[in-house]
Amino acid sequence: MTRVKLVGSLLVLLFVAAKPAAAQLCTGNPSFVYAPYQASIGAMFSNGVRGIEAGAAAGGKTLFGGAGLLVLNFTDIDVRTAGVFGQIGAELAADRDNKIMICPAVRVDVLAGPDVGPVDNSSIALQGGGSIGMVVSDSGDMQVVPFFGLAVVHTRLSSTFGGDEATFTDNGGHADLGVGFIFNHKTGITPSVSIPFSTGGSDATFMIKFAFNFGK
């Protein structure tokens, strides 16, 4: 594999890693209004990429933040890498009944590696955007919350090869569609799809997330 192909593949991998900042109703997840702490685990699938992330978050009626771990397996180039992510955001009601929620949010992902042969890599993705969610059904025991989001993403890859260091950057974005199924206001299952734009070589990414809120 040429170095150019490897660099291009890793830029796509990093873009796939930069998923929407998610922790509230506006992204189909349980709200912190009922319990201020959240643990979550999610799996993502794209063309040639498989990943898993685990996170923890905390918030109140408006502000929320969180961090977690991310592991990606990029099957096209037979490499695996791991990293961390952090996010902050706010949830704002767009109506008096708190049925429509809007969330501006930012997220940063940092990956160490993968080191492939003589090539050492490190990378970072910074994204900012927002999402809107609407509670279309609320039976008390179960809420159904479809959502839509948009975000722009700046990716940066540092690569060292044979003593020479080079930096590669890319800019793009993604649109996110999904629906959250929330049980007893504290447990959520959220399938979603992330569709990239202005980023060559990226395919849609499918994700399923499980979240549980706790605490008083």
C-alpha atoms as a PDB file:
ATOM      1  CA  MET A   1       0.000   0.000   0.000  1.00  0.00           C
ATOM      2  CA  THR A   2       1.324   3.444  -0.908  1.00  0.00           C
ATOM      3  CA  ARG A   3       1.703   6.126   1.703  1.00  0.00           C
ATOM      4  CA  VAL A   4      -0.763   8.353  -0.182  1.00  0.00           C
ATOM      5  CA  LYS A   5      -3.449   5.660  -0.049  1.00  0.00           C
ATOM      6  CA  LEU A   6      -2.805   5.078   3.646  1.00  0.00           C
ATOM      7  CA  VAL A   7      -3.090   8.785   4.459  1.00  0.00           C
ATOM      8  CA  GLY A   8      -6.307   9.096   2.485  1.00  0.00           C
ATOM      9  CA  SER A   9      -7.786   6.068   4.195  1.00  0.00           C
ATOM     10  CA  LEU A  10      -6.904   7.370   7.657  1.00  0.00           C
ATOM     11  CA  LEU A  11      -8.500  10.756   6.926  1.00  0.00           C
ATOM     12  CA  VAL A  12     -11.707   8.965   6.025  1.00  0.00           C
ATOM     13  CA  LEU A  13     -11.413   6.833   9.181  1.00  0.00           C
ATOM     14  CA  LEU A  14     -11.066   9.931  11.333  1.00  0.00           C
ATOM     15  CA  PHE A  15     -14.061  11.567   9.673  1.00  0.00           C
ATOM     16  CA  VAL A  16     -16.130   8.457  10.380  1.00  0.00           C
ATOM     17  CA  ALA A  17     -15.005   8.614  14.019  1.00  0.00           C
ATOM     18  CA  ALA A  18     -16.334  12.155  14.472  1.00  0.00           C
ATOM     19  CA  LYS A  19     -19.922  11.314  15.325  1.00  0.00           C
ATOM     20  CA  PRO A  20     -22.588  13.733  16.520  1.00  0.00           C
ATOM     21  CA  ALA A  21     -22.283  15.067  20.065  1.00  0.00           C
ATOM     22  CA  ALA A  22     -25.140  13.170  21.657  1.00  0.00           C
ATOM     23  CA  ALA A  23     -26.581  13.077  25.151  1.00  0.00           C
ATOM     24  CA  GLN A  24     -30.038  14.651  25.177  1.00  0.00           C
ATOM     25  CA  LEU A  25     -33.560  14.414  23.740  1.00  0.00           C
ATOM     26  CA  CYS A  26     -32.499  16.406  20.679  1.00  0.00           C
ATOM     27  CA  THR A  27     -30.429  13.369  19.621  1.00  0.00           C
ATOM     28  CA  GLY A  28     -32.906  10.720  20.744  1.00  0.00           C
ATOM     29  CA  ASN A  29     -31.298  10.008  24.118  1.00  0.00           C
ATOM     30  CA  PRO A  30     -32.716  10.217  27.668  1.00  0.00           C
ATOM     31  CA  SER A  31     -32.835  13.707  29.118  1.00  0.00           C
ATOM     32  CA  PHE A  32     -30.733  14.729  32.116  1.00  0.00           C
ATOM     33  CA  VAL A  33     -33.805  16.392  33.612  1.00  0.00           C
ATOM     34  CA  TYR A  34     -34.865  13.034  35.097  1.00  0.00           C
ATOM     35  CA  ALA A  35     -31.384  11.753  36.048  1.00  0.00           C
ATOM     36  CA  PRO A  36     -28.170  13.808  35.792  1.00  0.00           C
ATOM     37  CA  TYR A  37     -25.682  11.082  34.830  1.00  0.00           C
ATOM     38  CA  GLN A  38     -25.497   8.910  31.748  1.00  0.00           C
ATOM     39  CA  ALA A  39     -23.521   5.840  30.672  1.00  0.00           C
ATOM     40  CA  SER A  40     -23.643   4.719  27.048  1.00  0.00           C
ATOM     41  CA  ILE A  41     -22.209   2.303  24.539  1.00  0.00           C
ATOM     42  CA  GLY A  42     -22.569   2.417  20.777  1.00  0.00           C
ATOM     43  CA  ALA A  43     -21.549   0.454  17.688  1.00  0.00           C
ATOM     44  CA  MET A  44     -20.961   2.000  14.259  1.00  0.00           C
ATOM     45  CA  PHE A  45     -20.734   0.465  10.812  1.00  0.00           C
ATOM     46  CA  SER A  46     -19.600   1.930   7.510  1.00  0.00           C
ATOM     47  CA  ASN A  47     -17.980   0.661   4.317  1.00  0.00           C
ATOM     48  CA  GLY A  48     -14.761  -0.975   5.521  1.00  0.00           C
ATOM     49  CA  VAL A  49     -15.019   0.450   9.040  1.00  0.00           C
ATOM     50  CA  ARG A  50     -16.314  -1.027  12.276  1.00  0.00           C
ATOM     51  CA  GLY A  51     -16.207   0.806  15.568  1.00  0.00           C
ATOM     52  CA  ILE A  52     -17.367   0.893  19.148  1.00  0.00           C
ATOM     53  CA  GLU A  53     -17.478   3.719  21.671  1.00  0.00           C
ATOM     54  CA  ALA A  54     -18.255   3.907  25.365  1.00  0.00           C
ATOM     55  CA  GLY A  55     -18.949   7.150  27.140  1.00  0.00           C
ATOM     56  CA  ALA A  56     -20.093   8.895  30.288  1.00  0.00           C
ATOM     57  CA  ALA A  57     -21.898  12.221  30.491  1.00  0.00           C
ATOM     58  CA  ALA A  58     -23.548  14.555  32.966  1.00  0.00           C
ATOM     59  CA  GLY A  59     -25.902  17.478  32.666  1.00  0.00           C
ATOM     60  CA  GLY A  60     -28.840  19.444  33.942  1.00  0.00           C
ATOM     61  CA  LYS A  61     -31.815  21.265  32.459  1.00  0.00           C
ATOM     62  CA  THR A  62     -29.681  23.092  29.891  1.00  0.00           C
ATOM     63  CA  LEU A  63     -25.944  22.314  29.792  1.00  0.00           C
ATOM     64  CA  PHE A  64     -24.391  18.881  29.337  1.00  0.00           C
ATOM     65  CA  GLY A  65     -20.953  17.423  28.696  1.00  0.00           C
ATOM     66  CA  GLY A  66     -19.224  14.101  28.450  1.00  0.00           C
ATOM     67  CA  ALA A  67     -16.201  12.076  27.377  1.00  0.00           C
ATOM     68  CA  GLY A  68     -15.385   8.537  26.356  1.00  0.00           C
ATOM     69  CA  LEU A  69     -13.259   5.972  24.576  1.00  0.00           C
ATOM     70  CA  LEU A  70     -13.357   4.978  20.912  1.00  0.00           C
ATOM     71  CA  VAL A  71     -11.984   1.912  19.109  1.00  0.00           C
ATOM     72  CA  LEU A  72     -12.032   1.608  15.316  1.00  0.00           C
ATOM     73  CA  ASN A  73     -11.173  -1.280  13.041  1.00  0.00           C
ATOM     74  CA  PHE A  74     -10.537  -0.167   9.468  1.00  0.00           C
ATOM     75  CA  THR A  75     -10.814  -3.417   7.526  1.00  0.00           C
ATOM     76  CA  ASP A  76      -9.769  -2.026   4.129  1.00  0.00           C
ATOM     77  CA  ILE A  77      -6.233  -1.370   5.363  1.00  0.00           C
ATOM     78  CA  ASP A  78      -6.272  -3.964   8.154  1.00  0.00           C
ATOM     79  CA  VAL A  79      -5.506  -1.573  11.022  1.00  0.00           C
ATOM     80  CA  ARG A  80      -7.049  -0.805  14.394  1.00  0.00           C
ATOM     81  CA  THR A  81      -6.786   2.365  16.390  1.00  0.00           C
ATOM     82  CA  ALA A  82      -8.112   3.796  19.642  1.00  0.00           C
ATOM     83  CA  GLY A  83      -8.725   7.260  20.993  1.00  0.00           C
ATOM     84  CA  VAL A  84     -10.756   9.520  23.238  1.00  0.00           C
ATOM     85  CA  PHE A  85     -13.507  12.055  22.669  1.00  0.00           C
ATOM     86  CA  GLY A  86     -15.084  14.911  24.584  1.00  0.00           C
ATOM     87  CA  GLN A  87     -18.211  16.963  24.004  1.00  0.00           C
ATOM     88  CA  ILE A  88     -20.165  19.879  25.431  1.00  0.00           C
ATOM     89  CA  GLY A  89     -23.522  21.284  24.472  1.00  0.00           C
ATOM     90  CA  ALA A  90     -26.805  22.813  25.550  1.00  0.00           C
ATOM     91  CA  GLU A  91     -30.428  21.743  25.199  1.00  0.00           C
ATOM     92  CA  LEU A  92     -32.968  24.482  24.528  1.00  0.00           C
ATOM     93  CA  ALA A  93     -36.738  24.127  24.336  1.00  0.00           C
ATOM     94  CA  ALA A  94     -38.316  25.525  21.171  1.00  0.00           C
ATOM     95  CA  ASP A  95     -41.895  25.361  22.497  1.00  0.00           C
ATOM     96  CA  ARG A  96     -43.735  25.774  25.787  1.00  0.00           C
ATOM     97  CA  ASP A  97     -44.470  22.060  26.159  1.00  0.00           C
ATOM     98  CA  ASN A  98     -40.814  21.009  25.787  1.00  0.00           C
ATOM     99  CA  LYS A  99     -41.733  18.746  22.877  1.00  0.00           C
ATOM    100  CA  ILE A 100     -39.259  20.293  20.431  1.00  0.00           C
ATOM    101  CA  MET A 101     -35.650  20.559  21.595  1.00  0.00           C
ATOM    102  CA  ILE A 102     -32.665  22.200  19.909  1.00  0.00           C
ATOM    103  CA  CYS A 103     -29.055  21.416  20.841  1.00  0.00           C
ATOM    104  CA  PRO A 104     -25.931  23.310  19.742  1.00  0.00           C
ATOM    105  CA  ALA A 105     -22.866  21.200  20.535  1.00  0.00           C
ATOM    106  CA  VAL A 106     -19.148  20.743  19.867  1.00  0.00           C
ATOM    107  CA  ARG A 107     -17.075  17.575  19.963  1.00  0.00           C
ATOM    108  CA  VAL A 108     -13.384  16.703  19.624  1.00  0.00           C
ATOM    109  CA  ASP A 109     -11.955  13.245  18.807  1.00  0.00           C
ATOM    110  CA  VAL A 110      -8.261  12.386  19.266  1.00  0.00           C
ATOM    111  CA  LEU A 111      -6.752   9.169  17.906  1.00  0.00           C
ATOM    112  CA  ALA A 112      -3.278   7.833  18.689  1.00  0.00           C
ATOM    113  CA  GLY A 113      -2.093   5.724  15.781  1.00  0.00           C
ATOM    114  CA  PRO A 114      -2.437   3.478  14.055  1.00  0.00           C
ATOM    115  CA  ASP A 115       1.255   2.921  13.411  1.00  0.00           C
ATOM    116  CA  VAL A 116       1.462   0.962  10.163  1.00  0.00           C
ATOM    117  CA  GLY A 117       4.951  -0.335   9.361  1.00  0.00           C
ATOM    118  CA  PRO A 118       7.280   2.674   9.216  1.00  0.00           C
ATOM    119  CA  VAL A 119       4.387   5.167   9.277  1.00  0.00           C
ATOM    120  CA  ASP A 120       3.444   6.691  12.659  1.00  0.00           C
ATOM    121  CA  ASN A 121       0.149   8.551  12.817  1.00  0.00           C
ATOM    122  CA  SER A 122      -1.824  10.734  15.194  1.00  0.00           C
ATOM    123  CA  SER A 123      -5.011  12.569  14.386  1.00  0.00           C
ATOM    124  CA  ILE A 124      -7.726  14.907  15.605  1.00  0.00           C
ATOM    125  CA  ALA A 125     -11.227  15.843  14.486  1.00  0.00           C
ATOM    126  CA  LEU A 126     -13.117  18.930  15.644  1.00  0.00           C
ATOM    127  CA  GLN A 127     -16.790  19.308  14.893  1.00  0.00           C
ATOM    128  CA  GLY A 128     -19.480  21.843  15.647  1.00  0.00           C
ATOM    129  CA  GLY A 129     -23.144  21.835  14.808  1.00  0.00           C
ATOM    130  CA  GLY A 130     -26.609  21.318  16.138  1.00  0.00           C
ATOM    131  CA  SER A 131     -29.575  18.992  16.195  1.00  0.00           C
ATOM    132  CA  ILE A 132     -33.308  19.178  16.665  1.00  0.00           C
ATOM    133  CA  GLY A 133     -35.504  16.493  18.196  1.00  0.00           C
ATOM    134  CA  MET A 134     -39.259  16.226  18.545  1.00  0.00           C
ATOM    135  CA  VAL A 135     -41.212  14.077  20.997  1.00  0.00           C
ATOM    136  CA  VAL A 136     -43.886  12.606  18.712  1.00  0.00           C
ATOM    137  CA  SER A 137     -45.174  10.069  21.224  1.00  0.00           C
ATOM    138  CA  ASP A 138     -45.111  10.086  25.025  1.00  0.00           C
ATOM    139  CA  SER A 139     -47.077   7.393  26.815  1.00  0.00           C
ATOM    140  CA  GLY A 140     -45.284   7.932  30.113  1.00  0.00           C
ATOM    141  CA  ASP A 141     -43.440   4.636  29.951  1.00  0.00           C
ATOM    142  CA  MET A 142     -42.075   5.258  26.455  1.00  0.00           C
ATOM    143  CA  GLN A 143     -41.103   8.253  24.344  1.00  0.00           C
ATOM    144  CA  VAL A 144     -40.443   8.227  20.598  1.00  0.00           C
ATOM    145  CA  VAL A 145     -38.088  11.016  19.506  1.00  0.00           C
ATOM    146  CA  PRO A 146     -37.028  11.405  15.851  1.00  0.00           C
ATOM    147  CA  PHE A 147     -34.191  13.863  15.294  1.00  0.00           C
ATOM    148  CA  PHE A 148     -32.157  15.608  12.625  1.00  0.00           C
ATOM    149  CA  GLY A 149     -28.704  17.181  12.932  1.00  0.00           C
ATOM    150  CA  LEU A 150     -26.061  18.981  10.905  1.00  0.00           C
ATOM    151  CA  ALA A 151     -22.365  19.423  11.734  1.00  0.00           C
ATOM    152  CA  VAL A 152     -19.164  20.632  10.091  1.00  0.00           C
ATOM    153  CA  VAL A 153     -15.960  18.678  10.734  1.00  0.00           C
ATOM    154  CA  HIS A 154     -12.288  19.677  10.469  1.00  0.00           C
ATOM    155  CA  THR A 155      -9.883  16.714  10.464  1.00  0.00           C
ATOM    156  CA  ARG A 156      -6.097  16.817  10.884  1.00  0.00           C
ATOM    157  CA  LEU A 157      -3.695  13.899  10.471  1.00  0.00           C
ATOM    158  CA  SER A 158      -0.009  14.042  11.411  1.00  0.00           C
ATOM    159  CA  SER A 159       2.079  11.353   9.737  1.00  0.00           C
ATOM    160  CA  THR A 160       5.760  10.520  10.257  1.00  0.00           C
ATOM    161  CA  PHE A 161       7.536   8.410   7.644  1.00  0.00           C
ATOM    162  CA  GLY A 162      11.283   7.815   7.417  1.00  0.00           C
ATOM    163  CA  GLY A 163      12.058  10.724   9.727  1.00  0.00           C
ATOM    164  CA  ASP A 164       9.880  13.149   7.734  1.00  0.00           C
ATOM    165  CA  GLU A 165       6.713  14.570   9.229  1.00  0.00           C
ATOM    166  CA  ALA A 166       3.735  15.793   7.228  1.00  0.00           C
ATOM    167  CA  THR A 167       0.298  17.106   8.124  1.00  0.00           C
ATOM    168  CA  PHE A 168      -2.839  16.480   6.121  1.00  0.00           C
ATOM    169  CA  THR A 169      -6.183  18.231   6.679  1.00  0.00           C
ATOM    170  CA  ASP A 170      -9.697  17.902   5.349  1.00  0.00           C
ATOM    171  CA  ASN A 171     -12.974  19.744   5.873  1.00  0.00           C
ATOM    172  CA  GLY A 172     -16.442  18.366   5.502  1.00  0.00           C
ATOM    173  CA  GLY A 173     -19.630  17.713   7.366  1.00  0.00           C
ATOM    174  CA  HIS A 174     -22.465  15.310   7.922  1.00  0.00           C
ATOM    175  CA  ALA A 175     -26.239  15.191   8.251  1.00  0.00           C
ATOM    176  CA  ASP A 176     -27.644  12.871  10.913  1.00  0.00           C
ATOM    177  CA  LEU A 177     -31.035  11.187  10.996  1.00  0.00           C
ATOM    178  CA  GLY A 178     -32.361   8.872  13.661  1.00  0.00           C
ATOM    179  CA  VAL A 179     -35.050   8.038  16.164  1.00  0.00           C
ATOM    180  CA  GLY A 180     -34.764   7.441  19.876  1.00  0.00           C
ATOM    181  CA  PHE A 181     -36.888   4.992  21.852  1.00  0.00           C
ATOM    182  CA  ILE A 182     -36.763   6.048  25.503  1.00  0.00           C
ATOM    183  CA  PHE A 183     -38.173   3.881  28.282  1.00  0.00           C
ATOM    184  CA  ASN A 184     -39.180   5.290  31.679  1.00  0.00           C
ATOM    185  CA  HIS A 185     -37.290   8.493  30.798  1.00  0.00           C
ATOM    186  CA  LYS A 186     -33.967   6.852  31.710  1.00  0.00           C
ATOM    187  CA  THR A 187     -33.121   4.102  29.204  1.00  0.00           C
ATOM    188  CA  GLY A 188     -32.715   4.717  25.497  1.00  0.00           C
ATOM    189  CA  ILE A 189     -32.091   2.794  22.283  1.00  0.00           C
ATOM    190  CA  THR A 190     -31.166   5.025  19.351  1.00  0.00           C
ATOM    191  CA  PRO A 191     -30.536   3.813  15.791  1.00  0.00           C
ATOM    192  CA  SER A 192     -29.233   6.489  13.417  1.00  0.00           C
ATOM    193  CA  VAL A 193     -27.478   7.142  10.116  1.00  0.00           C
ATOM    194  CA  SER A 194     -24.853   9.799   9.418  1.00  0.00           C
ATOM    195  CA  ILE A 195     -24.582  10.988   5.798  1.00  0.00           C
ATOM    196  CA  PRO A 196     -21.354  12.873   4.921  1.00  0.00           C
ATOM    197  CA  PHE A 197     -21.068  15.766   2.505  1.00  0.00           C
ATOM    198  CA  SER A 198     -18.069  17.583   0.991  1.00  0.00           C
ATOM    199  CA  THR A 199     -15.777  14.720   1.979  1.00  0.00           C
ATOM    200  CA  GLY A 200     -14.556  12.483  -0.815  1.00  0.00           C
ATOM    201  CA  GLY A 201     -14.478   8.760  -0.188  1.00  0.00           C
ATOM    202  CA  SER A 202     -16.801   8.754   2.832  1.00  0.00           C
ATOM    203  CA  ASP A 203     -19.867   6.550   2.998  1.00  0.00           C
ATOM    204  CA  ALA A 204     -22.917   6.722   5.213  1.00  0.00           C
ATOM    205  CA  THR A 205     -22.325   5.449   8.745  1.00  0.00           C
ATOM    206  CA  PHE A 206     -24.949   3.478  10.647  1.00  0.00           C
ATOM    207  CA  MET A 207     -24.954   3.516  14.440  1.00  0.00           C
ATOM    208  CA  ILE A 208     -26.910   1.937  17.279  1.00  0.00           C
ATOM    209  CA  LYS A 209     -26.541   3.408  20.753  1.00  0.00           C
ATOM    210  CA  PHE A 210     -27.697   2.257  24.181  1.00  0.00           C
ATOM    211  CA  ALA A 211     -27.844   4.833  26.989  1.00  0.00           C
ATOM    212  CA  PHE A 212     -28.836   4.677  30.638  1.00  0.00           C
ATOM    213  CA  ASN A 213     -29.347   7.669  32.931  1.00  0.00           C
ATOM    214  CA  PHE A 214     -29.029   7.431  36.696  1.00  0.00           C
ATOM    215  CA  GLY A 215     -28.589   9.511  39.843  1.00  0.00           C
ATOM    216  CA  LYS A 216     -30.701  12.189  41.505  1.00  0.00           C
END
